[in-house]
């Protein structure tokens, strides 16, 4: 049995994906069984026949004697199930610093990045590049990002909701003091990829490659009609950007996207790239479906959406195919 696991508290935004996965499998003559983690904990007999597991967001239910981590809990509940996306890959994509270190170590191009505990390092980085983005280590969809830059000798920041005067400190908690945002280290900051002219700044083109089993099944581009403030350069689904589908991308972009999925070990993922007229493409992040995060499917609501762009159809198709070594054993 192939099961798709999720947590009931996440049902409002996870269940549409579960429904699309199960419907796609049924259309191919197969079956993917939806299962909540709460059901699995309450009735462990339901887990016994699961031999392949696809994980969507969930939290470990509270309970005496239950393992504290998702990986330990899944191993106990589903001892015979193979994870389509391992927890090692899920955790790697969730941890943006670990992702960057892996990509850099394998020669994948990323924007200039600083990881430091020293506020002075961040100030120098922002002065050097003009604009930079302070990023959360554990996040997706641009959550917690702050664009920073110097104006009249003072470091400013824009989170999208408001603009702040920035006070970088070595440690402590993040807090707002009037119009000043106290932002503690350690810091993960990345150059904002733009083309800067004498009077204008042109934001980079943000592409997303959807990868399933080492194949890019389609591309999207995220954009805004108008850019009115620095935070508008953060093009994420949570910040009201628009989508459009691309029928193709450059060979270089394809190569980098597939290489990113390969070095992270992600069988199913979305790779975000950015490029400008003067540089790139660079990899911004790699997202996958997992207990912490989920690949954004907002593109399903734009008018150009049709069956060709059905990511969950491609995922279901991959889940229904038995690994080569299993098929060989069955034919002996």
Foldseek 3Di string as FASTA:
>chain_A
DAEEEEAPVVCVPCVVLVVLLQVLQVVVVHGYHYDYPVRLVVDLVVQAPAAEYEYFADADDDDPPADHDPLRNCCVSRVRYDYLQDVLLQVCQQFFVSLVVLCVVVPQFAFDKDFALDPVVVVVVQVVQQKKWWQDRGDDQLPPIWIWGDDPRFIKIDSLVDIAGEAEANDDDWDDDPRYTYHGDRTIMGRQDWDDDPPDIGHWWKKKFWAAQLDGLWMKTWAAPDDDDPNNSSGGPVNDIDIDTDHDDDPVVSVSQSVSCVSSVNNTWMWMFTADPVDDGHTDGIHDGHRRDHDDPVVCPDPVDDPSPSSSSSVSVNSPDDDPVVVVVVVD
